[in-house]
Structures are given as C-alpha cells and as structure tokens.
C-alpha cells in the first residue's frame, strides 16, 4: 500500500506527540520510543490503538483519536517486576498510593473529580507490586468493568498502567 507524504507527516506528528506522552509518564526525556503498529483497541468497539515500545521492554498503547494512554506494561515475555526489593529500598504503601494517584492525574487531569464516582481497589503481588485501581460501578464490557489502574513496584518504579474507562 502506498502512503502519501501527508500520511507520513501525520504519522510522524502523531508519533512525536505519543512519544512525549510516554516520556512524560516514565519521567525520562531520553527514553527511546518506537512505533510498532496500529491495531484494534480491545477495550473500545470500532477504535484503534497505536502500539509503541521502548528500550527497557515496555509496550504502550495510545488511542490515536484523542492521545489517551491506554496501556503501559512490560511486553510479553519480559519480566513484569524486578527481583525482590530489599527492605531498605521499599517505599511505604501510602507513598506508593500517592505516586499512583499522581501518575494517573498526570494522564487524566480531572481524575480527582472522576475518582469520586469510581470504586477503589488495592491489592499486591507478594508485596513486590502494588496495584491501585478504580472501577466504574455497574458497567461491564466482556465481563469486566471499565477501570483505571497503576501498578507500582515496591521500590516506587512503575510496573504497569491501564486506562479502560469509558469516555
């Protein structure tokens, strides 16, 4: 399939905007972000996602219609968490929660307002990854409620991020 120069320019502009969004999330201006493909968004009917990755093994899904970051997580086959975090490097759970809320607010500026209508959940995986999640009550798609979640490693680094909330 041939693409015109305007198609390439549009792709380049989208990639630059999406790379900035991803670098801001990861707080790393030098992060190498690479476009991989455009695919069907599994969380929204008749919508696409642009898929990117970085040199650390993370994959990112961005909704090209509005620039919303949908997923940030390790690529398949990449370990999801560092080895056990030593006790003296562990961040208190309350601080991890604050970090998760700040991260989400950076992606969803009106999160504090939206949050009031969501049900909160918290969980952890062997006290190494802590999940902070907020779900829409009473709405389901494919058996799951729309949600927004930040997973934080015990040392305060990002483990994963997901936003499937309805607009």
N, C-alpha and C. Protein backbone atom coordinates (compact mmCIF):
# COMPACT_ATOMS: atom_id res chain seq x y z
N UNK A 1 0.84 -1.18 0.00
CA UNK A 1 0.00 0.00 0.00
C UNK A 1 0.89 1.24 0.00
N UNK A 2 0.58 2.18 -0.87
CA UNK A 2 1.35 3.43 -0.95
C UNK A 2 0.80 4.42 0.05
N UNK A 3 1.69 5.20 0.62
CA UNK A 3 1.26 6.27 1.50
C UNK A 3 1.76 7.59 0.94
N UNK A 4 0.99 8.62 1.11
CA UNK A 4 1.39 9.93 0.61
C UNK A 4 2.30 10.60 1.63
N UNK A 5 2.94 11.69 1.21
CA UNK A 5 3.77 12.45 2.15
C UNK A 5 2.95 12.98 3.30
N UNK A 6 1.69 13.36 3.04
CA UNK A 6 0.86 13.87 4.13
C UNK A 6 0.54 12.77 5.13
N UNK A 7 0.38 11.51 4.66
CA UNK A 7 0.17 10.39 5.57
C UNK A 7 1.40 10.20 6.46
N UNK A 8 2.59 10.27 5.85
CA UNK A 8 3.83 10.12 6.61
C UNK A 8 3.99 11.26 7.61
N UNK A 9 3.68 12.49 7.17
CA UNK A 9 3.78 13.64 8.07
C UNK A 9 2.82 13.47 9.24
N UNK A 10 1.60 13.01 8.96
CA UNK A 10 0.62 12.78 10.04
C UNK A 10 1.10 11.71 11.01
N UNK A 11 1.69 10.63 10.48
CA UNK A 11 2.24 9.57 11.33
C UNK A 11 3.38 10.11 12.17
N UNK A 12 4.27 10.90 11.56
CA UNK A 12 5.41 11.48 12.28
C UNK A 12 4.93 12.40 13.40
N UNK A 13 3.91 13.21 13.12
CA UNK A 13 3.38 14.13 14.13
C UNK A 13 2.74 13.35 15.28
N UNK A 14 1.96 12.33 14.93
CA UNK A 14 1.32 11.50 15.97
C UNK A 14 2.39 10.81 16.81
N UNK A 15 3.40 10.26 16.15
CA UNK A 15 4.46 9.58 16.88
C UNK A 15 5.18 10.52 17.83
N UNK A 16 5.44 11.75 17.39
CA UNK A 16 6.12 12.73 18.25
C UNK A 16 5.26 13.06 19.48
N UNK A 17 3.96 13.27 19.27
CA UNK A 17 3.06 13.56 20.40
C UNK A 17 2.95 12.37 21.35
N UNK A 18 2.82 11.19 20.79
CA UNK A 18 2.68 9.99 21.62
C UNK A 18 3.98 9.69 22.37
N UNK A 19 5.12 9.91 21.72
CA UNK A 19 6.41 9.70 22.39
C UNK A 19 6.56 10.65 23.57
N UNK A 20 6.12 11.90 23.41
CA UNK A 20 6.18 12.86 24.53
C UNK A 20 5.29 12.40 25.67
N UNK A 21 4.09 11.93 25.35
CA UNK A 21 3.17 11.42 26.36
C UNK A 21 3.82 10.27 27.15
N UNK A 22 4.46 9.36 26.44
CA UNK A 22 5.10 8.20 27.06
C UNK A 22 6.31 8.64 27.89
N UNK A 23 7.14 9.53 27.35
CA UNK A 23 8.30 10.02 28.10
C UNK A 23 7.87 10.76 29.36
N UNK A 24 6.78 11.54 29.26
CA UNK A 24 6.27 12.23 30.45
C UNK A 24 5.81 11.23 31.51
N UNK A 25 5.11 10.19 31.08
CA UNK A 25 4.66 9.16 32.02
C UNK A 25 5.86 8.53 32.73
N UNK A 26 6.88 8.18 31.97
CA UNK A 26 8.05 7.50 32.52
C UNK A 26 9.06 8.46 33.14
N UNK A 27 8.80 9.77 32.99
CA UNK A 27 9.70 10.80 33.50
C UNK A 27 11.13 10.57 33.02
N UNK A 28 11.25 10.35 31.70
CA UNK A 28 12.54 10.06 31.09
C UNK A 28 12.56 10.67 29.69
N UNK A 29 13.14 11.87 29.58
CA UNK A 29 13.19 12.56 28.29
C UNK A 29 14.05 11.85 27.26
N UNK A 30 14.94 10.95 27.69
CA UNK A 30 15.84 10.25 26.77
C UNK A 30 15.31 8.87 26.37
N UNK A 31 14.14 8.51 26.86
CA UNK A 31 13.55 7.22 26.54
C UNK A 31 13.40 7.08 25.02
N UNK A 32 13.88 5.98 24.48
CA UNK A 32 13.74 5.72 23.04
C UNK A 32 12.39 5.04 22.81
N UNK A 33 11.50 5.74 22.17
CA UNK A 33 10.15 5.25 21.92
C UNK A 33 10.03 4.96 20.42
N UNK A 34 9.54 3.76 20.11
CA UNK A 34 9.45 3.32 18.72
C UNK A 34 8.03 2.87 18.41
N UNK A 35 7.48 3.38 17.30
CA UNK A 35 6.16 2.96 16.83
C UNK A 35 6.28 1.54 16.28
N UNK A 36 5.34 0.67 16.66
CA UNK A 36 5.34 -0.71 16.17
C UNK A 36 4.22 -0.97 15.17
N UNK A 37 2.99 -0.58 15.53
CA UNK A 37 1.85 -0.92 14.67
C UNK A 37 0.60 -0.19 15.15
N UNK A 38 -0.44 -0.26 14.33
CA UNK A 38 -1.77 0.17 14.72
C UNK A 38 -2.65 -1.08 14.72
N UNK A 39 -3.45 -1.24 15.76
CA UNK A 39 -4.28 -2.43 15.90
C UNK A 39 -5.65 -2.04 16.46
N UNK A 40 -6.54 -3.01 16.50
CA UNK A 40 -7.88 -2.82 17.09
C UNK A 40 -7.74 -2.66 18.60
N UNK A 41 -8.41 -1.67 19.15
CA UNK A 41 -8.42 -1.46 20.60
C UNK A 41 -9.38 -2.48 21.23
N UNK A 42 -8.89 -3.40 22.06
CA UNK A 42 -9.78 -4.42 22.63
C UNK A 42 -10.76 -3.87 23.67
N UNK A 43 -10.56 -2.63 24.10
CA UNK A 43 -11.42 -2.05 25.13
C UNK A 43 -12.51 -1.15 24.57
N UNK A 44 -12.41 -0.81 23.29
CA UNK A 44 -13.41 0.08 22.68
C UNK A 44 -13.78 -0.45 21.31
N UNK A 45 -15.07 -0.59 21.06
CA UNK A 45 -15.53 -1.07 19.76
C UNK A 45 -15.19 -0.05 18.67
N UNK A 46 -14.78 -0.55 17.53
CA UNK A 46 -14.52 0.27 16.34
C UNK A 46 -13.50 1.37 16.60
N UNK A 47 -12.48 1.07 17.37
CA UNK A 47 -11.43 2.05 17.67
C UNK A 47 -10.07 1.38 17.50
N UNK A 48 -9.09 2.18 17.17
CA UNK A 48 -7.73 1.70 17.00
C UNK A 48 -6.86 2.11 18.18
N UNK A 49 -5.71 1.47 18.27
CA UNK A 49 -4.66 1.89 19.19
C UNK A 49 -3.35 1.90 18.40
N UNK A 50 -2.50 2.85 18.72
CA UNK A 50 -1.14 2.85 18.19
C UNK A 50 -0.26 2.19 19.25
N UNK A 51 0.57 1.27 18.81
CA UNK A 51 1.41 0.49 19.74
C UNK A 51 2.86 0.93 19.59
N UNK A 52 3.50 1.17 20.74
CA UNK A 52 4.89 1.61 20.81
C UNK A 52 5.63 0.72 21.80
N UNK A 53 6.97 0.76 21.73
CA UNK A 53 7.77 0.13 22.78
C UNK A 53 8.98 0.99 23.07
N UNK A 54 9.71 0.62 24.12
CA UNK A 54 10.93 1.33 24.48
C UNK A 54 12.07 0.34 24.70
N UNK A 55 13.25 0.85 24.96
CA UNK A 55 14.44 0.01 25.09
C UNK A 55 14.47 -0.78 26.40
N UNK A 56 13.54 -0.53 27.30
CA UNK A 56 13.50 -1.25 28.58
C UNK A 56 12.50 -2.40 28.59
N UNK A 57 11.85 -2.64 27.45
CA UNK A 57 10.93 -3.76 27.36
C UNK A 57 9.48 -3.42 27.67
N UNK A 58 9.15 -2.14 27.77
CA UNK A 58 7.77 -1.74 28.00
C UNK A 58 7.07 -1.54 26.66
N UNK A 59 5.76 -1.85 26.64
CA UNK A 59 4.91 -1.61 25.50
C UNK A 59 3.84 -0.61 25.91
N UNK A 60 3.44 0.25 24.97
CA UNK A 60 2.47 1.31 25.25
C UNK A 60 1.40 1.29 24.18
N UNK A 61 0.15 1.45 24.60
CA UNK A 61 -0.96 1.56 23.67
C UNK A 61 -1.53 2.96 23.83
N UNK A 62 -1.66 3.68 22.72
CA UNK A 62 -2.19 5.04 22.74
C UNK A 62 -3.39 5.10 21.79
N UNK A 63 -4.49 5.69 22.27
CA UNK A 63 -5.67 5.90 21.43
C UNK A 63 -5.37 7.09 20.52
N UNK A 64 -5.22 6.86 19.20
CA UNK A 64 -4.84 7.95 18.32
C UNK A 64 -5.94 9.00 18.12
N UNK A 65 -7.18 8.67 18.48
CA UNK A 65 -8.26 9.63 18.28
C UNK A 65 -8.18 10.80 19.25
N UNK A 66 -7.60 10.56 20.43
CA UNK A 66 -7.54 11.64 21.42
C UNK A 66 -6.22 11.68 22.20
N UNK A 67 -5.29 10.78 21.89
CA UNK A 67 -4.00 10.78 22.57
C UNK A 67 -4.02 10.21 23.97
N UNK A 68 -5.07 9.46 24.32
CA UNK A 68 -5.16 8.85 25.64
C UNK A 68 -4.23 7.64 25.73
N UNK A 69 -3.42 7.60 26.77
CA UNK A 69 -2.60 6.42 27.03
C UNK A 69 -3.51 5.34 27.61
N UNK A 70 -3.58 4.20 26.94
CA UNK A 70 -4.48 3.12 27.36
C UNK A 70 -3.73 2.10 28.20
N UNK A 71 -2.54 1.71 27.78
CA UNK A 71 -1.76 0.68 28.47
C UNK A 71 -0.29 1.07 28.48
N UNK A 72 0.38 0.81 29.59
CA UNK A 72 1.84 0.86 29.69
C UNK A 72 2.21 -0.34 30.55
N UNK A 73 2.92 -1.30 29.97
CA UNK A 73 3.24 -2.52 30.70
C UNK A 73 4.40 -3.24 30.02
N UNK A 74 5.05 -4.14 30.73
CA UNK A 74 6.11 -4.92 30.08
C UNK A 74 5.55 -5.71 28.90
N UNK A 75 6.34 -5.78 27.81
CA UNK A 75 5.95 -6.60 26.66
C UNK A 75 5.86 -8.05 27.07
N UNK A 76 5.11 -8.82 26.33
CA UNK A 76 5.01 -10.26 26.57
C UNK A 76 6.42 -10.85 26.57
N UNK A 77 6.69 -11.69 27.53
CA UNK A 77 7.99 -12.34 27.63
C UNK A 77 9.02 -11.56 28.41
N UNK A 78 8.67 -10.33 28.83
CA UNK A 78 9.57 -9.51 29.63
C UNK A 78 9.10 -9.60 31.08
N UNK A 79 9.98 -9.90 32.03
CA UNK A 79 9.55 -10.00 33.43
C UNK A 79 8.83 -8.73 33.88
N UNK A 80 7.72 -8.90 34.59
CA UNK A 80 6.88 -7.78 35.00
C UNK A 80 7.42 -7.04 36.21
N UNK A 81 8.32 -7.64 36.94
CA UNK A 81 8.79 -6.99 38.17
C UNK A 81 10.27 -7.27 38.37
N UNK A 82 10.93 -6.36 39.03
CA UNK A 82 12.32 -6.64 39.36
C UNK A 82 12.39 -7.75 40.39
N UNK A 83 13.58 -8.27 40.62
CA UNK A 83 13.70 -9.26 41.68
C UNK A 83 13.30 -8.60 43.00
N UNK A 84 13.13 -9.39 44.02
CA UNK A 84 12.64 -8.89 45.30
C UNK A 84 13.38 -7.62 45.73
N UNK A 85 12.59 -6.62 46.09
CA UNK A 85 13.13 -5.34 46.53
C UNK A 85 13.58 -5.49 47.98
N UNK A 86 14.80 -5.11 48.25
CA UNK A 86 15.34 -5.18 49.61
C UNK A 86 14.54 -4.25 50.52
N UNK A 87 14.46 -4.62 51.78
CA UNK A 87 13.64 -3.89 52.74
C UNK A 87 14.01 -2.40 52.78
N UNK A 88 15.28 -2.08 52.76
CA UNK A 88 15.70 -0.68 52.90
C UNK A 88 15.42 0.15 51.64
N UNK A 89 15.00 -0.49 50.55
CA UNK A 89 14.66 0.22 49.31
C UNK A 89 13.15 0.29 49.08
N UNK A 90 12.38 -0.29 50.01
CA UNK A 90 10.93 -0.33 49.85
C UNK A 90 10.31 1.03 50.19
N UNK A 91 9.32 1.40 49.41
CA UNK A 91 8.59 2.64 49.62
C UNK A 91 7.31 2.29 50.38
N UNK A 92 6.93 3.07 51.40
CA UNK A 92 5.69 2.78 52.13
C UNK A 92 4.47 2.75 51.21
N UNK A 93 3.52 1.90 51.53
CA UNK A 93 2.33 1.72 50.69
C UNK A 93 1.59 3.04 50.50
N UNK A 94 1.47 3.85 51.53
CA UNK A 94 0.79 5.14 51.39
C UNK A 94 1.48 6.04 50.38
N UNK A 95 2.79 6.01 50.35
CA UNK A 95 3.55 6.79 49.37
C UNK A 95 3.36 6.22 47.97
N UNK A 96 3.35 4.88 47.86
CA UNK A 96 3.08 4.25 46.56
C UNK A 96 1.71 4.66 46.04
N UNK A 97 0.71 4.69 46.93
CA UNK A 97 -0.65 5.09 46.55
C UNK A 97 -0.62 6.54 46.04
N UNK A 98 0.07 7.43 46.76
CA UNK A 98 0.17 8.83 46.34
C UNK A 98 0.86 8.93 44.97
N UNK A 99 1.89 8.12 44.75
CA UNK A 99 2.59 8.11 43.47
C UNK A 99 1.67 7.63 42.35
N UNK A 100 0.86 6.61 42.64
CA UNK A 100 -0.09 6.09 41.65
C UNK A 100 -1.13 7.15 41.28
N UNK A 101 -1.67 7.84 42.29
CA UNK A 101 -2.66 8.88 42.03
C UNK A 101 -2.03 10.02 41.23
N UNK A 102 -0.81 10.40 41.56
CA UNK A 102 -0.13 11.46 40.81
C UNK A 102 0.11 11.04 39.37
N UNK A 103 0.51 9.80 39.16
CA UNK A 103 0.75 9.28 37.81
C UNK A 103 -0.55 9.31 37.00
N UNK A 104 -1.63 8.83 37.59
CA UNK A 104 -2.93 8.81 36.91
C UNK A 104 -3.41 10.23 36.64
N UNK A 105 -3.25 11.12 37.60
CA UNK A 105 -3.67 12.51 37.42
C UNK A 105 -2.88 13.17 36.29
N UNK A 106 -1.63 12.77 36.12
CA UNK A 106 -0.83 13.27 35.00
C UNK A 106 -1.39 12.84 33.65
N UNK A 107 -2.08 11.71 33.61
CA UNK A 107 -2.68 11.21 32.38
C UNK A 107 -4.13 11.65 32.24
N UNK A 108 -4.83 11.77 33.35
CA UNK A 108 -6.25 12.14 33.36
C UNK A 108 -6.38 13.34 34.29
N UNK A 109 -6.20 14.56 33.76
CA UNK A 109 -6.13 15.75 34.61
C UNK A 109 -7.32 15.94 35.56
N UNK A 110 -8.52 15.49 35.16
CA UNK A 110 -9.68 15.64 36.05
C UNK A 110 -9.92 14.37 36.88
N UNK A 111 -8.87 13.59 37.12
CA UNK A 111 -9.03 12.33 37.84
C UNK A 111 -9.64 12.51 39.22
N UNK A 112 -9.26 13.54 39.95
CA UNK A 112 -9.82 13.74 41.29
C UNK A 112 -11.35 13.85 41.23
N UNK A 113 -11.86 14.51 40.20
CA UNK A 113 -13.31 14.64 40.02
C UNK A 113 -13.90 13.30 39.59
N UNK A 114 -13.29 12.65 38.60
CA UNK A 114 -13.75 11.36 38.09
C UNK A 114 -13.70 10.30 39.19
N UNK A 115 -12.66 10.34 39.99
CA UNK A 115 -12.41 9.34 41.05
C UNK A 115 -13.58 9.21 42.02
N UNK A 116 -14.28 10.31 42.26
CA UNK A 116 -15.39 10.30 43.22
C UNK A 116 -16.48 9.31 42.81
N UNK A 117 -16.64 9.05 41.50
CA UNK A 117 -17.67 8.13 41.03
C UNK A 117 -17.18 6.72 40.77
N UNK A 118 -15.95 6.41 41.19
CA UNK A 118 -15.36 5.10 40.94
C UNK A 118 -15.17 4.33 42.24
N UNK A 119 -15.19 3.02 42.14
CA UNK A 119 -14.95 2.15 43.30
C UNK A 119 -13.46 1.82 43.36
N UNK A 120 -12.81 2.09 44.51
CA UNK A 120 -11.37 1.81 44.62
C UNK A 120 -11.09 0.37 45.02
N UNK A 121 -10.00 -0.16 44.52
CA UNK A 121 -9.48 -1.47 44.91
C UNK A 121 -7.98 -1.36 45.06
N UNK A 122 -7.44 -2.10 46.01
CA UNK A 122 -5.99 -2.19 46.17
C UNK A 122 -5.63 -3.64 46.39
N UNK A 123 -4.49 -4.03 45.83
CA UNK A 123 -4.00 -5.39 46.00
C UNK A 123 -2.50 -5.37 45.81
N UNK A 124 -1.86 -6.47 46.12
CA UNK A 124 -0.43 -6.56 45.87
C UNK A 124 -0.07 -7.98 45.48
N UNK A 125 1.05 -8.08 44.82
CA UNK A 125 1.57 -9.37 44.40
C UNK A 125 2.84 -9.63 45.18
N UNK A 126 2.74 -10.51 46.17
CA UNK A 126 3.87 -10.89 47.02
C UNK A 126 4.60 -9.69 47.61
N UNK A 127 3.86 -8.63 47.89
CA UNK A 127 4.41 -7.40 48.45
C UNK A 127 5.55 -6.83 47.60
N UNK A 128 5.51 -7.12 46.30
CA UNK A 128 6.51 -6.60 45.37
C UNK A 128 5.91 -5.64 44.35
N UNK A 129 4.66 -5.89 43.95
CA UNK A 129 3.94 -4.99 43.05
C UNK A 129 2.62 -4.64 43.74
N UNK A 130 2.34 -3.36 43.83
CA UNK A 130 1.13 -2.87 44.49
C UNK A 130 0.23 -2.23 43.43
N UNK A 131 -1.02 -2.69 43.39
CA UNK A 131 -1.98 -2.24 42.38
C UNK A 131 -3.00 -1.31 43.01
N UNK A 132 -3.18 -0.16 42.39
CA UNK A 132 -4.15 0.83 42.83
C UNK A 132 -5.10 1.04 41.65
N UNK A 133 -6.37 0.65 41.87
CA UNK A 133 -7.32 0.56 40.76
C UNK A 133 -8.64 1.20 41.16
N UNK A 134 -9.27 1.86 40.19
CA UNK A 134 -10.58 2.45 40.38
C UNK A 134 -11.47 1.98 39.23
N UNK A 135 -12.66 1.45 39.57
CA UNK A 135 -13.56 0.86 38.58
C UNK A 135 -14.88 1.61 38.51
N UNK A 136 -15.47 1.63 37.29
CA UNK A 136 -16.83 2.13 37.14
C UNK A 136 -17.78 1.08 37.70
N UNK A 137 -18.73 1.51 38.48
CA UNK A 137 -19.68 0.61 39.12
C UNK A 137 -20.84 0.33 38.17
N UNK A 138 -21.19 -0.96 38.03
CA UNK A 138 -22.38 -1.35 37.29
C UNK A 138 -22.25 -1.35 35.78
N UNK A 139 -21.06 -1.14 35.24
CA UNK A 139 -20.86 -1.19 33.79
C UNK A 139 -19.86 -2.29 33.48
N UNK A 140 -20.14 -3.05 32.43
CA UNK A 140 -19.25 -4.15 32.08
C UNK A 140 -19.06 -4.22 30.57
N UNK A 141 -17.87 -4.60 30.16
CA UNK A 141 -17.58 -4.91 28.76
C UNK A 141 -16.78 -6.20 28.78
N UNK A 142 -17.28 -7.19 28.10
CA UNK A 142 -16.63 -8.50 28.08
C UNK A 142 -16.39 -9.03 29.49
N UNK A 143 -17.35 -8.78 30.39
CA UNK A 143 -17.28 -9.31 31.74
C UNK A 143 -16.45 -8.51 32.72
N UNK A 144 -15.83 -7.42 32.26
CA UNK A 144 -15.01 -6.60 33.15
C UNK A 144 -15.53 -5.17 33.20
N UNK A 145 -15.45 -4.53 34.37
CA UNK A 145 -15.84 -3.12 34.41
C UNK A 145 -14.72 -2.24 33.84
N UNK A 146 -15.06 -1.12 33.23
CA UNK A 146 -14.02 -0.17 32.84
C UNK A 146 -13.26 0.29 34.08
N UNK A 147 -11.96 0.49 33.96
CA UNK A 147 -11.14 0.83 35.12
C UNK A 147 -9.94 1.65 34.72
N UNK A 148 -9.31 2.23 35.74
CA UNK A 148 -8.00 2.85 35.59
C UNK A 148 -7.14 2.31 36.72
N UNK A 149 -5.90 1.97 36.40
CA UNK A 149 -5.04 1.29 37.39
C UNK A 149 -3.59 1.69 37.18
N UNK A 150 -2.89 1.85 38.29
CA UNK A 150 -1.44 1.99 38.27
C UNK A 150 -0.87 0.90 39.16
N UNK A 151 0.07 0.17 38.64
CA UNK A 151 0.80 -0.83 39.42
C UNK A 151 2.18 -0.28 39.71
N UNK A 152 2.56 -0.27 40.97
CA UNK A 152 3.85 0.28 41.36
C UNK A 152 4.70 -0.82 42.00
N UNK A 153 5.95 -0.91 41.56
CA UNK A 153 6.88 -1.83 42.21
C UNK A 153 7.18 -1.32 43.61
N UNK A 154 7.60 -2.19 44.49
CA UNK A 154 7.85 -1.84 45.88
C UNK A 154 8.90 -0.75 46.03
N UNK A 155 9.76 -0.57 45.02
CA UNK A 155 10.78 0.48 45.09
C UNK A 155 10.29 1.81 44.51
N UNK A 156 9.01 1.88 44.10
CA UNK A 156 8.44 3.11 43.60
C UNK A 156 8.49 3.28 42.10
N UNK A 157 9.03 2.31 41.38
CA UNK A 157 9.05 2.40 39.92
C UNK A 157 7.74 1.87 39.36
N UNK A 158 7.41 2.30 38.15
CA UNK A 158 6.18 1.89 37.50
C UNK A 158 6.25 0.44 37.07
N UNK A 159 5.26 -0.35 37.45
CA UNK A 159 5.13 -1.73 37.00
C UNK A 159 4.20 -1.81 35.79
N UNK A 160 3.06 -1.07 35.85
CA UNK A 160 2.10 -1.08 34.75
C UNK A 160 1.07 0.03 34.95
N UNK A 161 0.38 0.35 33.87
CA UNK A 161 -0.66 1.35 33.88
C UNK A 161 -1.72 0.91 32.88
N UNK A 162 -3.00 1.10 33.22
CA UNK A 162 -4.08 0.78 32.30
C UNK A 162 -5.23 1.76 32.51
N UNK A 163 -5.84 2.18 31.40
CA UNK A 163 -6.99 3.06 31.45
C UNK A 163 -8.01 2.57 30.42
N UNK A 164 -9.06 1.92 30.89
CA UNK A 164 -10.12 1.46 30.00
C UNK A 164 -11.45 2.15 30.30
N UNK A 165 -11.38 3.26 31.03
CA UNK A 165 -12.61 3.98 31.37
C UNK A 165 -13.32 4.44 30.11
N UNK A 166 -14.64 4.42 30.17
CA UNK A 166 -15.44 4.95 29.06
C UNK A 166 -15.31 6.46 29.05
N UNK A 167 -15.43 7.01 27.87
CA UNK A 167 -15.34 8.47 27.76
C UNK A 167 -16.70 9.08 27.86
